[in-house]
PDB file of N, CA and C in Angstrom:
ATOM      1  N   UNK A   1      17.830  13.215  56.288  1.00  0.00           N
ATOM      2  CA  UNK A   1      16.510  12.948  55.763  1.00  0.00           C
ATOM      3  C   UNK A   1      15.926  11.747  56.493  1.00  0.00           C
ATOM      4  N   UNK A   2      15.667  11.898  57.737  1.00  0.00           N
ATOM      5  CA  UNK A   2      15.302  10.785  58.596  1.00  0.00           C
ATOM      6  C   UNK A   2      14.011  10.074  58.216  1.00  0.00           C
ATOM      7  N   UNK A   3      12.951  10.778  57.878  1.00  0.00           N
ATOM      8  CA  UNK A   3      11.682  10.131  57.564  1.00  0.00           C
ATOM      9  C   UNK A   3      11.462   9.960  56.065  1.00  0.00           C
ATOM     10  N   UNK A   4      12.462  10.244  55.292  1.00  0.00           N
ATOM     11  CA  UNK A   4      12.342  10.109  53.850  1.00  0.00           C
ATOM     12  C   UNK A   4      12.549   8.658  53.438  1.00  0.00           C
ATOM     13  N   UNK A   5      11.837   8.242  52.405  1.00  0.00           N
ATOM     14  CA  UNK A   5      11.928   6.884  51.893  1.00  0.00           C
ATOM     15  C   UNK A   5      12.485   6.944  50.476  1.00  0.00           C
ATOM     16  N   UNK A   6      13.525   6.179  50.219  1.00  0.00           N
ATOM     17  CA  UNK A   6      14.122   6.094  48.895  1.00  0.00           C
ATOM     18  C   UNK A   6      13.157   5.365  47.969  1.00  0.00           C
ATOM     19  N   UNK A   7      12.872   5.948  46.823  1.00  0.00           N
ATOM     20  CA  UNK A   7      11.934   5.335  45.887  1.00  0.00           C
ATOM     21  C   UNK A   7      12.559   4.141  45.190  1.00  0.00           C
ATOM     22  N   UNK A   8      11.728   3.121  44.920  1.00  0.00           N
ATOM     23  CA  UNK A   8      12.220   1.985  44.143  1.00  0.00           C
ATOM     24  C   UNK A   8      12.298   2.391  42.678  1.00  0.00           C
ATOM     25  N   UNK A   9      12.798   1.504  41.833  1.00  0.00           N
ATOM     26  CA  UNK A   9      13.063   1.842  40.430  1.00  0.00           C
ATOM     27  C   UNK A   9      11.796   2.236  39.668  1.00  0.00           C
ATOM     28  N   UNK A  10      10.690   1.545  39.900  1.00  0.00           N
ATOM     29  CA  UNK A  10       9.431   1.851  39.201  1.00  0.00           C
ATOM     30  C   UNK A  10       8.921   3.230  39.605  1.00  0.00           C
ATOM     31  N   UNK A  11       8.886   3.506  40.913  1.00  0.00           N
ATOM     32  CA  UNK A  11       8.426   4.809  41.392  1.00  0.00           C
ATOM     33  C   UNK A  11       9.369   5.926  40.940  1.00  0.00           C
ATOM     34  N   UNK A  12      10.658   5.632  40.948  1.00  0.00           N
ATOM     35  CA  UNK A  12      11.663   6.610  40.517  1.00  0.00           C
ATOM     36  C   UNK A  12      11.422   7.007  39.060  1.00  0.00           C
ATOM     37  N   UNK A  13      11.185   6.031  38.197  1.00  0.00           N
ATOM     38  CA  UNK A  13      10.937   6.312  36.778  1.00  0.00           C
ATOM     39  C   UNK A  13       9.665   7.133  36.591  1.00  0.00           C
ATOM     40  N   UNK A  14       8.661   6.870  37.405  1.00  0.00           N
ATOM     41  CA  UNK A  14       7.413   7.640  37.334  1.00  0.00           C
ATOM     42  C   UNK A  14       7.681   9.112  37.680  1.00  0.00           C
ATOM     43  N   UNK A  15       8.420   9.342  38.756  1.00  0.00           N
ATOM     44  CA  UNK A  15       8.744  10.712  39.175  1.00  0.00           C
ATOM     45  C   UNK A  15       9.642  11.384  38.141  1.00  0.00           C
ATOM     46  N   UNK A  16      10.625  10.653  37.611  1.00  0.00           N
ATOM     47  CA  UNK A  16      11.484  11.213  36.571  1.00  0.00           C
ATOM     48  C   UNK A  16      10.661  11.635  35.366  1.00  0.00           C
ATOM     49  N   UNK A  17       9.674  10.831  35.006  1.00  0.00           N
ATOM     50  CA  UNK A  17       8.791  11.189  33.898  1.00  0.00           C
ATOM     51  C   UNK A  17       8.033  12.476  34.165  1.00  0.00           C
ATOM     52  N   UNK A  18       7.548  12.644  35.413  1.00  0.00           N
ATOM     53  CA  UNK A  18       6.848  13.880  35.772  1.00  0.00           C
ATOM     54  C   UNK A  18       7.782  15.083  35.667  1.00  0.00           C
ATOM     55  N   UNK A  19       9.023  14.911  36.115  1.00  0.00           N
ATOM     56  CA  UNK A  19       9.982  16.012  36.071  1.00  0.00           C
ATOM     57  C   UNK A  19      10.357  16.360  34.634  1.00  0.00           C
ATOM     58  N   UNK A  20      10.626  15.341  33.832  1.00  0.00           N
ATOM     59  CA  UNK A  20      11.046  15.578  32.452  1.00  0.00           C
ATOM     60  C   UNK A  20       9.938  16.207  31.614  1.00  0.00           C
ATOM     61  N   UNK A  21       8.690  15.943  31.976  1.00  0.00           N
ATOM     62  CA  UNK A  21       7.579  16.486  31.188  1.00  0.00           C
ATOM     63  C   UNK A  21       7.203  17.912  31.594  1.00  0.00           C
ATOM     64  N   UNK A  22       7.820  18.424  32.638  1.00  0.00           N
ATOM     65  CA  UNK A  22       7.501  19.775  33.120  1.00  0.00           C
ATOM     66  C   UNK A  22       8.705  20.697  32.968  1.00  0.00           C
ATOM     67  N   UNK A  23       8.462  21.888  32.473  1.00  0.00           N
ATOM     68  CA  UNK A  23       9.505  22.908  32.417  1.00  0.00           C
ATOM     69  C   UNK A  23       9.627  23.538  33.794  1.00  0.00           C
ATOM     70  N   UNK A  24      10.821  23.973  34.128  1.00  0.00           N
ATOM     71  CA  UNK A  24      11.052  24.576  35.441  1.00  0.00           C
ATOM     72  C   UNK A  24      10.109  25.757  35.676  1.00  0.00           C
ATOM     73  N   UNK A  25       9.846  26.533  34.633  1.00  0.00           N
ATOM     74  CA  UNK A  25       8.992  27.712  34.748  1.00  0.00           C
ATOM     75  C   UNK A  25       7.549  27.357  35.112  1.00  0.00           C
ATOM     76  N   UNK A  26       7.141  26.108  34.886  1.00  0.00           N
ATOM     77  CA  UNK A  26       5.786  25.676  35.213  1.00  0.00           C
ATOM     78  C   UNK A  26       5.591  25.452  36.709  1.00  0.00           C
ATOM     79  N   UNK A  27       6.687  25.324  37.454  1.00  0.00           N
ATOM     80  CA  UNK A  27       6.599  25.096  38.888  1.00  0.00           C
ATOM     81  C   UNK A  27       6.272  26.405  39.599  1.00  0.00           C
ATOM     82  N   UNK A  28       5.350  26.334  40.519  1.00  0.00           N
ATOM     83  CA  UNK A  28       5.064  27.474  41.371  1.00  0.00           C
ATOM     84  C   UNK A  28       6.062  27.434  42.530  1.00  0.00           C
ATOM     85  N   UNK A  29       6.631  28.555  42.854  1.00  0.00           N
ATOM     86  CA  UNK A  29       7.588  28.637  43.964  1.00  0.00           C
ATOM     87  C   UNK A  29       6.821  28.962  45.235  1.00  0.00           C
ATOM     88  N   UNK A  30       7.009  28.158  46.255  1.00  0.00           N
ATOM     89  CA  UNK A  30       6.419  28.464  47.562  1.00  0.00           C
ATOM     90  C   UNK A  30       7.361  29.469  48.223  1.00  0.00           C
ATOM     91  N   UNK A  31       7.083  30.720  47.967  1.00  0.00           N
ATOM     92  CA  UNK A  31       8.001  31.800  48.326  1.00  0.00           C
ATOM     93  C   UNK A  31       8.246  31.898  49.827  1.00  0.00           C
ATOM     94  N   UNK A  32       7.210  31.669  50.632  1.00  0.00           N
ATOM     95  CA  UNK A  32       7.394  31.789  52.077  1.00  0.00           C
ATOM     96  C   UNK A  32       8.340  30.730  52.637  1.00  0.00           C
ATOM     97  N   UNK A  33       8.572  29.664  51.884  1.00  0.00           N
ATOM     98  CA  UNK A  33       9.533  28.660  52.342  1.00  0.00           C
ATOM     99  C   UNK A  33      10.867  28.777  51.607  1.00  0.00           C
ATOM    100  N   UNK A  34      10.832  29.059  50.316  1.00  0.00           N
ATOM    101  CA  UNK A  34      12.050  29.131  49.520  1.00  0.00           C
ATOM    102  C   UNK A  34      12.902  30.343  49.907  1.00  0.00           C
ATOM    103  N   UNK A  35      12.239  31.438  50.266  1.00  0.00           N
ATOM    104  CA  UNK A  35      12.946  32.675  50.590  1.00  0.00           C
ATOM    105  C   UNK A  35      12.809  33.022  52.070  1.00  0.00           C
ATOM    106  N   UNK A  36      13.825  33.710  52.584  1.00  0.00           N
ATOM    107  CA  UNK A  36      13.811  34.246  53.952  1.00  0.00           C
ATOM    108  C   UNK A  36      14.396  35.653  53.876  1.00  0.00           C
ATOM    109  N   UNK A  37      13.619  36.624  54.303  1.00  0.00           N
ATOM    110  CA  UNK A  37      14.033  38.036  54.230  1.00  0.00           C
ATOM    111  C   UNK A  37      14.424  38.433  52.804  1.00  0.00           C
ATOM    112  N   UNK A  38      13.701  37.904  51.823  1.00  0.00           N
ATOM    113  CA  UNK A  38      13.921  38.274  50.432  1.00  0.00           C
ATOM    114  C   UNK A  38      15.070  37.560  49.738  1.00  0.00           C
ATOM    115  N   UNK A  39      15.799  36.724  50.453  1.00  0.00           N
ATOM    116  CA  UNK A  39      16.933  35.989  49.878  1.00  0.00           C
ATOM    117  C   UNK A  39      16.635  34.494  49.921  1.00  0.00           C
ATOM    118  N   UNK A  40      17.205  33.723  48.977  1.00  0.00           N
ATOM    119  CA  UNK A  40      16.990  32.273  49.033  1.00  0.00           C
ATOM    120  C   UNK A  40      17.445  31.723  50.381  1.00  0.00           C
ATOM    121  N   UNK A  41      16.582  30.946  51.010  1.00  0.00           N
ATOM    122  CA  UNK A  41      16.833  30.416  52.348  1.00  0.00           C
ATOM    123  C   UNK A  41      18.169  29.671  52.452  1.00  0.00           C
ATOM    124  N   UNK A  42      18.508  28.889  51.440  1.00  0.00           N
ATOM    125  CA  UNK A  42      19.741  28.097  51.481  1.00  0.00           C
ATOM    126  C   UNK A  42      20.778  28.582  50.469  1.00  0.00           C
ATOM    127  N   UNK A  43      20.609  29.805  49.977  1.00  0.00           N
ATOM    128  CA  UNK A  43      21.605  30.419  49.114  1.00  0.00           C
ATOM    129  C   UNK A  43      21.562  29.988  47.652  1.00  0.00           C
ATOM    130  N   UNK A  44      20.573  29.212  47.254  1.00  0.00           N
ATOM    131  CA  UNK A  44      20.469  28.757  45.870  1.00  0.00           C
ATOM    132  C   UNK A  44      19.408  29.607  45.167  1.00  0.00           C
ATOM    133  N   UNK A  45      19.842  30.429  44.221  1.00  0.00           N
ATOM    134  CA  UNK A  45      18.904  31.286  43.487  1.00  0.00           C
ATOM    135  C   UNK A  45      18.000  30.430  42.608  1.00  0.00           C
ATOM    136  N   UNK A  46      16.892  31.014  42.192  1.00  0.00           N
ATOM    137  CA  UNK A  46      15.990  30.294  41.281  1.00  0.00           C
ATOM    138  C   UNK A  46      16.683  30.023  39.945  1.00  0.00           C
ATOM    139  N   UNK A  47      17.559  30.920  39.513  1.00  0.00           N
ATOM    140  CA  UNK A  47      18.305  30.701  38.274  1.00  0.00           C
ATOM    141  C   UNK A  47      19.206  29.476  38.395  1.00  0.00           C
ATOM    142  N   UNK A  48      19.888  29.345  39.542  1.00  0.00           N
ATOM    143  CA  UNK A  48      20.755  28.187  39.778  1.00  0.00           C
ATOM    144  C   UNK A  48      19.906  26.918  39.890  1.00  0.00           C
ATOM    145  N   UNK A  49      18.769  26.988  40.574  1.00  0.00           N
ATOM    146  CA  UNK A  49      17.876  25.831  40.692  1.00  0.00           C
ATOM    147  C   UNK A  49      17.406  25.387  39.312  1.00  0.00           C
ATOM    148  N   UNK A  50      17.121  26.341  38.441  1.00  0.00           N
ATOM    149  CA  UNK A  50      16.686  26.013  37.074  1.00  0.00           C
ATOM    150  C   UNK A  50      17.812  25.297  36.330  1.00  0.00           C
ATOM    151  N   UNK A  51      19.030  25.772  36.488  1.00  0.00           N
ATOM    152  CA  UNK A  51      20.196  25.147  35.850  1.00  0.00           C
ATOM    153  C   UNK A  51      20.373  23.705  36.341  1.00  0.00           C
ATOM    154  N   UNK A  52      20.213  23.493  37.627  1.00  0.00           N
ATOM    155  CA  UNK A  52      20.361  22.163  38.219  1.00  0.00           C
ATOM    156  C   UNK A  52      19.228  21.250  37.755  1.00  0.00           C
ATOM    157  N   UNK A  53      18.011  21.762  37.779  1.00  0.00           N
ATOM    158  CA  UNK A  53      16.807  20.985  37.485  1.00  0.00           C
ATOM    159  C   UNK A  53      16.898  20.203  36.181  1.00  0.00           C
ATOM    160  N   UNK A  54      17.418  20.825  35.138  1.00  0.00           N
ATOM    161  CA  UNK A  54      17.421  20.199  33.815  1.00  0.00           C
ATOM    162  C   UNK A  54      18.494  19.124  33.633  1.00  0.00           C
ATOM    163  N   UNK A  55      19.332  18.888  34.630  1.00  0.00           N
ATOM    164  CA  UNK A  55      20.402  17.892  34.530  1.00  0.00           C
ATOM    165  C   UNK A  55      19.904  16.526  35.031  1.00  0.00           C
ATOM    166  N   UNK A  56      18.926  15.979  34.333  1.00  0.00           N
ATOM    167  CA  UNK A  56      18.286  14.740  34.770  1.00  0.00           C
ATOM    168  C   UNK A  56      19.254  13.564  34.850  1.00  0.00           C
ATOM    169  N   UNK A  57      20.300  13.574  34.028  1.00  0.00           N
ATOM    170  CA  UNK A  57      21.287  12.494  34.058  1.00  0.00           C
ATOM    171  C   UNK A  57      22.148  12.524  35.322  1.00  0.00           C
ATOM    172  N   UNK A  58      22.078  13.608  36.089  1.00  0.00           N
ATOM    173  CA  UNK A  58      22.862  13.743  37.325  1.00  0.00           C
ATOM    174  C   UNK A  58      22.056  13.344  38.565  1.00  0.00           C
ATOM    175  N   UNK A  59      20.814  12.938  38.391  1.00  0.00           N
ATOM    176  CA  UNK A  59      19.986  12.555  39.544  1.00  0.00           C
ATOM    177  C   UNK A  59      20.502  11.234  40.101  1.00  0.00           C
ATOM    178  N   UNK A  60      20.872  11.254  41.376  1.00  0.00           N
ATOM    179  CA  UNK A  60      21.405  10.045  42.010  1.00  0.00           C
ATOM    180  C   UNK A  60      20.352   9.322  42.837  1.00  0.00           C
ATOM    181  N   UNK A  61      19.399  10.053  43.372  1.00  0.00           N
ATOM    182  CA  UNK A  61      18.330   9.406  44.143  1.00  0.00           C
ATOM    183  C   UNK A  61      17.128  10.332  44.249  1.00  0.00           C
ATOM    184  N   UNK A  62      15.987   9.708  44.513  1.00  0.00           N
ATOM    185  CA  UNK A  62      14.748  10.446  44.736  1.00  0.00           C
ATOM    186  C   UNK A  62      14.106   9.866  45.979  1.00  0.00           C
ATOM    187  N   UNK A  63      13.787  10.743  46.927  1.00  0.00           N
ATOM    188  CA  UNK A  63      13.181  10.347  48.196  1.00  0.00           C
ATOM    189  C   UNK A  63      11.806  10.984  48.322  1.00  0.00           C
ATOM    190  N   UNK A  64      10.962  10.371  49.127  1.00  0.00           N
ATOM    191  CA  UNK A  64       9.627  10.923  49.372  1.00  0.00           C
ATOM    192  C   UNK A  64       9.349  10.876  50.870  1.00  0.00           C
ATOM    193  N   UNK A  65       8.595  11.863  51.321  1.00  0.00           N
ATOM    194  CA  UNK A  65       8.174  11.928  52.725  1.00  0.00           C
ATOM    195  C   UNK A  65       6.735  12.399  52.754  1.00  0.00           C
ATOM    196  N   UNK A  66       5.901  11.702  53.521  1.00  0.00           N
ATOM    197  CA  UNK A  66       4.513  12.139  53.688  1.00  0.00           C
ATOM    198  C   UNK A  66       4.470  13.328  54.633  1.00  0.00           C
ATOM    199  N   UNK A  67       3.608  14.286  54.306  1.00  0.00           N
ATOM    200  CA  UNK A  67       3.414  15.440  55.170  1.00  0.00           C
ATOM    201  C   UNK A  67       1.933  15.789  55.154  1.00  0.00           C
ATOM    202  N   UNK A  68       1.484  16.617  56.074  1.00  0.00           N
ATOM    203  CA  UNK A  68       0.071  17.012  56.069  1.00  0.00           C
ATOM    204  C   UNK A  68      -0.352  17.658  54.743  1.00  0.00           C
ATOM    205  N   UNK A  69       0.571  18.295  54.065  1.00  0.00           N
ATOM    206  CA  UNK A  69       0.264  18.955  52.804  1.00  0.00           C
ATOM    207  C   UNK A  69       0.255  17.985  51.616  1.00  0.00           C
ATOM    208  N   UNK A  70       0.930  16.856  51.749  1.00  0.00           N
ATOM    209  CA  UNK A  70       1.051  15.882  50.670  1.00  0.00           C
ATOM    210  C   UNK A  70       2.458  15.326  50.627  1.00  0.00           C
ATOM    211  N   UNK A  71       2.768  14.579  49.576  1.00  0.00           N
ATOM    212  CA  UNK A  71       4.096  13.988  49.449  1.00  0.00           C
ATOM    213  C   UNK A  71       5.134  15.038  49.086  1.00  0.00           C
ATOM    214  N   UNK A  72       6.220  15.061  49.865  1.00  0.00           N
ATOM    215  CA  UNK A  72       7.365  15.926  49.589  1.00  0.00           C
ATOM    216  C   UNK A  72       8.404  15.058  48.882  1.00  0.00           C
ATOM    217  N   UNK A  73       8.794  15.466  47.690  1.00  0.00           N
ATOM    218  CA  UNK A  73       9.798  14.736  46.935  1.00  0.00           C
ATOM    219  C   UNK A  73      11.114  15.496  46.988  1.00  0.00           C
ATOM    220  N   UNK A  74      12.179  14.806  47.361  1.00  0.00           N
ATOM    221  CA  UNK A  74      13.511  15.386  47.354  1.00  0.00           C
ATOM    222  C   UNK A  74      14.321  14.678  46.281  1.00  0.00           C
ATOM    223  N   UNK A  75      14.783  15.454  45.317  1.00  0.00           N
ATOM    224  CA  UNK A  75      15.545  14.925  44.188  1.00  0.00           C
ATOM    225  C   UNK A  75      16.995  15.351  44.391  1.00  0.00           C
ATOM    226  N   UNK A  76      17.886  14.364  44.506  1.00  0.00           N
ATOM    227  CA  UNK A  76      19.294  14.632  44.767  1.00  0.00           C
ATOM    228  C   UNK A  76      20.066  14.551  43.455  1.00  0.00           C
ATOM    229  N   UNK A  77      20.755  15.641  43.146  1.00  0.00           N
ATOM    230  CA  UNK A  77      21.581  15.733  41.941  1.00  0.00           C
ATOM    231  C   UNK A  77      23.041  15.623  42.359  1.00  0.00           C
ATOM    232  N   UNK A  78      23.734  14.634  41.849  1.00  0.00           N
ATOM    233  CA  UNK A  78      25.164  14.478  42.123  1.00  0.00           C
ATOM    234  C   UNK A  78      25.912  15.092  40.946  1.00  0.00           C
ATOM    235  N   UNK A  79      26.309  16.345  41.093  1.00  0.00           N
ATOM    236  CA  UNK A  79      26.959  17.090  40.021  1.00  0.00           C
ATOM    237  C   UNK A  79      28.363  16.550  39.763  1.00  0.00           C
ATOM    238  N   UNK A  80      29.092  16.312  40.828  1.00  0.00           N
ATOM    239  CA  UNK A  80      30.395  15.646  40.741  1.00  0.00           C
ATOM    240  C   UNK A  80      30.659  14.988  42.090  1.00  0.00           C
ATOM    241  N   UNK A  81      31.860  14.484  42.288  1.00  0.00           N
ATOM    242  CA  UNK A  81      32.171  13.726  43.502  1.00  0.00           C
ATOM    243  C   UNK A  81      31.952  14.525  44.790  1.00  0.00           C
ATOM    244  N   UNK A  82      32.112  15.840  44.719  1.00  0.00           N
ATOM    245  CA  UNK A  82      32.041  16.656  45.928  1.00  0.00           C
ATOM    246  C   UNK A  82      30.872  17.636  45.968  1.00  0.00           C
ATOM    247  N   UNK A  83      30.062  17.687  44.926  1.00  0.00           N
ATOM    248  CA  UNK A  83      28.978  18.663  44.876  1.00  0.00           C
ATOM    249  C   UNK A  83      27.644  17.969  44.637  1.00  0.00           C
ATOM    250  N   UNK A  84      26.728  18.164  45.579  1.00  0.00           N
ATOM    251  CA  UNK A  84      25.379  17.623  45.484  1.00  0.00           C
ATOM    252  C   UNK A  84      24.384  18.740  45.766  1.00  0.00           C
ATOM    253  N   UNK A  85      23.259  18.686  45.067  1.00  0.00           N
ATOM    254  CA  UNK A  85      22.164  19.605  45.321  1.00  0.00           C
ATOM    255  C   UNK A  85      20.903  18.780  45.523  1.00  0.00           C
ATOM    256  N   UNK A  86      20.041  19.251  46.396  1.00  0.00           N
ATOM    257  CA  UNK A  86      18.731  18.643  46.580  1.00  0.00           C
ATOM    258  C   UNK A  86      17.676  19.682  46.232  1.00  0.00           C
ATOM    259  N   UNK A  87      16.785  19.311  45.311  1.00  0.00           N
ATOM    260  CA  UNK A  87      15.647  20.150  44.983  1.00  0.00           C
ATOM    261  C   UNK A  87      14.414  19.466  45.542  1.00  0.00           C
ATOM    262  N   UNK A  88      13.573  20.236  46.214  1.00  0.00           N
ATOM    263  CA  UNK A  88      12.425  19.672  46.917  1.00  0.00           C
ATOM    264  C   UNK A  88      11.122  20.158  46.292  1.00  0.00           C
ATOM    265  N   UNK A  89      10.224  19.217  46.035  1.00  0.00           N
ATOM    266  CA  UNK A  89       9.004  19.506  45.290  1.00  0.00           C
ATOM    267  C   UNK A  89       7.763  18.922  45.947  1.00  0.00           C
ATOM    268  N   UNK A  90       6.624  19.511  45.617  1.00  0.00           N
ATOM    269  CA  UNK A  90       5.304  18.892  45.786  1.00  0.00           C
ATOM    270  C   UNK A  90       4.857  18.585  44.361  1.00  0.00           C
ATOM    271  N   UNK A  91       4.958  17.340  43.940  1.00  0.00           N
ATOM    272  CA  UNK A  91       4.652  16.969  42.559  1.00  0.00           C
ATOM    273  C   UNK A  91       3.209  16.536  42.361  1.00  0.00           C
ATOM    274  N   UNK A  92       2.497  16.250  43.449  1.00  0.00           N
ATOM    275  CA  UNK A  92       1.117  15.775  43.344  1.00  0.00           C
ATOM    276  C   UNK A  92       0.112  16.923  43.292  1.00  0.00           C
ATOM    277  N   UNK A  93       0.594  18.151  43.432  1.00  0.00           N
ATOM    278  CA  UNK A  93      -0.289  19.317  43.397  1.00  0.00           C
ATOM    279  C   UNK A  93      -0.358  19.863  41.972  1.00  0.00           C
ATOM    280  N   UNK A  94      -1.383  20.633  41.720  1.00  0.00           N
ATOM    281  CA  UNK A  94      -1.533  21.261  40.413  1.00  0.00           C
ATOM    282  C   UNK A  94      -1.730  22.753  40.610  1.00  0.00           C
ATOM    283  N   UNK A  95      -0.800  23.608  40.242  1.00  0.00           N
ATOM    284  CA  UNK A  95       0.449  23.271  39.568  1.00  0.00           C
ATOM    285  C   UNK A  95       1.456  22.650  40.537  1.00  0.00           C
ATOM    286  N   UNK A  96       2.441  21.968  39.965  1.00  0.00           N
ATOM    287  CA  UNK A  96       3.522  21.398  40.775  1.00  0.00           C
ATOM    288  C   UNK A  96       4.279  22.547  41.428  1.00  0.00           C
ATOM    289  N   UNK A  97       4.867  22.256  42.576  1.00  0.00           N
ATOM    290  CA  UNK A  97       5.531  23.323  43.331  1.00  0.00           C
ATOM    291  C   UNK A  97       6.956  22.926  43.713  1.00  0.00           C
ATOM    292  N   UNK A  98       7.820  23.929  43.763  1.00  0.00           N
ATOM    293  CA  UNK A  98       9.165  23.766  44.304  1.00  0.00           C
ATOM    294  C   UNK A  98       9.210  24.580  45.590  1.00  0.00           C
ATOM    295  N   UNK A  99       9.785  23.995  46.645  1.00  0.00           N
ATOM    296  CA  UNK A  99       9.807  24.730  47.906  1.00  0.00           C
ATOM    297  C   UNK A  99      11.178  24.838  48.540  1.00  0.00           C
ATOM    298  N   UNK A 100      12.189  24.189  47.966  1.00  0.00           N
ATOM    299  CA  UNK A 100      13.499  24.265  48.584  1.00  0.00           C
ATOM    300  C   UNK A 100      14.579  23.840  47.599  1.00  0.00           C
ATOM    301  N   UNK A 101      15.779  24.382  47.765  1.00  0.00           N
ATOM    302  CA  UNK A 101      16.975  23.970  47.029  1.00  0.00           C
ATOM    303  C   UNK A 101      18.133  24.050  48.010  1.00  0.00           C
ATOM    304  N   UNK A 102      18.851  22.949  48.154  1.00  0.00           N
ATOM    305  CA  UNK A 102      19.896  22.856  49.175  1.00  0.00           C
ATOM    306  C   UNK A 102      21.191  22.364  48.532  1.00  0.00           C
ATOM    307  N   UNK A 103      22.299  22.989  48.899  1.00  0.00           N
ATOM    308  CA  UNK A 103      23.630  22.595  48.440  1.00  0.00           C
ATOM    309  C   UNK A 103      24.277  21.716  49.492  1.00  0.00           C
ATOM    310  N   UNK A 104      24.973  20.682  49.044  1.00  0.00           N
ATOM    311  CA  UNK A 104      25.772  19.861  49.945  1.00  0.00           C
ATOM    312  C   UNK A 104      27.118  19.639  49.283  1.00  0.00           C
ATOM    313  N   UNK A 105      28.169  20.149  49.889  1.00  0.00           N
ATOM    314  CA  UNK A 105      29.510  20.003  49.333  1.00  0.00           C
ATOM    315  C   UNK A 105      30.209  18.732  49.756  1.00  0.00           C
ATOM    316  N   UNK A 106      29.520  17.921  50.536  1.00  0.00           N
ATOM    317  CA  UNK A 106      30.148  16.701  51.033  1.00  0.00           C
ATOM    318  C   UNK A 106      29.946  15.550  50.054  1.00  0.00           C
ATOM    319  N   UNK A 107      30.821  14.584  50.138  1.00  0.00           N
ATOM    320  CA  UNK A 107      30.705  13.383  49.330  1.00  0.00           C
ATOM    321  C   UNK A 107      29.555  12.551  49.894  1.00  0.00           C
ATOM    322  N   UNK A 108      28.452  12.488  49.169  1.00  0.00           N
ATOM    323  CA  UNK A 108      27.243  11.815  49.632  1.00  0.00           C
ATOM    324  C   UNK A 108      27.476  10.336  49.890  1.00  0.00           C
ATOM    325  N   UNK A 109      28.230   9.664  49.021  1.00  0.00           N
ATOM    326  CA  UNK A 109      28.488   8.240  49.200  1.00  0.00           C
ATOM    327  C   UNK A 109      29.235   7.969  50.504  1.00  0.00           C
ATOM    328  N   UNK A 110      30.261   8.774  50.789  1.00  0.00           N
ATOM    329  CA  UNK A 110      31.023   8.595  52.027  1.00  0.00           C
ATOM    330  C   UNK A 110      30.148   8.850  53.249  1.00  0.00           C
ATOM    331  N   UNK A 111      29.299   9.866  53.174  1.00  0.00           N
ATOM    332  CA  UNK A 111      28.439  10.209  54.299  1.00  0.00           C
ATOM    333  C   UNK A 111      27.475   9.066  54.601  1.00  0.00           C
ATOM    334  N   UNK A 112      26.861   8.514  53.561  1.00  0.00           N
ATOM    335  CA  UNK A 112      25.903   7.418  53.752  1.00  0.00           C
ATOM    336  C   UNK A 112      26.612   6.181  54.275  1.00  0.00           C
ATOM    337  N   UNK A 113      27.731   5.833  53.671  1.00  0.00           N
ATOM    338  CA  UNK A 113      28.468   4.641  54.105  1.00  0.00           C
ATOM    339  C   UNK A 113      29.010   4.830  55.525  1.00  0.00           C
ATOM    340  N   UNK A 114      29.433   6.039  55.867  1.00  0.00           N
ATOM    341  CA  UNK A 114      29.917   6.313  57.219  1.00  0.00           C
ATOM    342  C   UNK A 114      28.826   6.105  58.244  1.00  0.00           C
ATOM    343  N   UNK A 115      27.620   6.540  57.925  1.00  0.00           N
ATOM    344  CA  UNK A 115      26.493   6.322  58.835  1.00  0.00           C
ATOM    345  C   UNK A 115      26.199   4.843  58.978  1.00  0.00           C
ATOM    346  N   UNK A 116      26.215   4.121  57.840  1.00  0.00           N
ATOM    347  CA  UNK A 116      25.877   2.696  57.866  1.00  0.00           C
ATOM    348  C   UNK A 116      26.920   1.910  58.659  1.00  0.00           C
ATOM    349  N   UNK A 117      28.188   2.072  58.297  1.00  0.00           N
ATOM    350  CA  UNK A 117      29.222   1.306  58.975  1.00  0.00           C
ATOM    351  C   UNK A 117      29.481   1.827  60.381  1.00  0.00           C
ATOM    352  N   UNK A 118      29.300   3.123  60.598  1.00  0.00           N
ATOM    353  CA  UNK A 118      29.453   3.679  61.943  1.00  0.00           C
ATOM    354  C   UNK A 118      28.414   3.090  62.887  1.00  0.00           C
ATOM    355  N   UNK A 119      27.181   2.927  62.402  1.00  0.00           N
ATOM    356  CA  UNK A 119      26.111   2.358  63.232  1.00  0.00           C
ATOM    357  C   UNK A 119      26.371   0.891  63.528  1.00  0.00           C
ATOM    358  N   UNK A 120      26.992   0.192  62.606  1.00  0.00           N
ATOM    359  CA  UNK A 120      27.262  -1.243  62.805  1.00  0.00           C
ATOM    360  C   UNK A 120      28.348  -1.478  63.835  1.00  0.00           C
ATOM    361  N   UNK A 121      29.263  -0.534  63.982  1.00  0.00           N
ATOM    362  CA  UNK A 121      30.371  -0.692  64.936  1.00  0.00           C
ATOM    363  C   UNK A 121      29.932  -0.513  66.375  1.00  0.00           C
ATOM    364  N   UNK A 122      28.835   0.180  66.604  1.00  0.00           N
ATOM    365  CA  UNK A 122      28.404   0.487  67.969  1.00  0.00           C
ATOM    366  C   UNK A 122      27.892  -0.739  68.680  1.00  0.00           C
TER     367      UNK A 122
END
């Protein structure tokens, strides 16, 4: 997530409030991005995304990236030590939209720390 910016605590709480106040069914799915050849692009069904979405206590970070279409919000859910999901939204649009769901089986903390300390060693 190279151009993504980690939200500070105030902005994070604002986004969490927007998410908690919206039901998953209220989100419009950007089908041309979420699906490829009729299947979920990254293998995460809408049913699985809905299951993940409601686990607000599992959110480990929220990132934002500016795009020509508007702010892209990536919400990272740390389900357990080895399972992470990222749900990607356009929250500033009406209706709010979901455009991606991505699985990451890697330990996010190790990956981030490896990048940080790996860069310092060079």
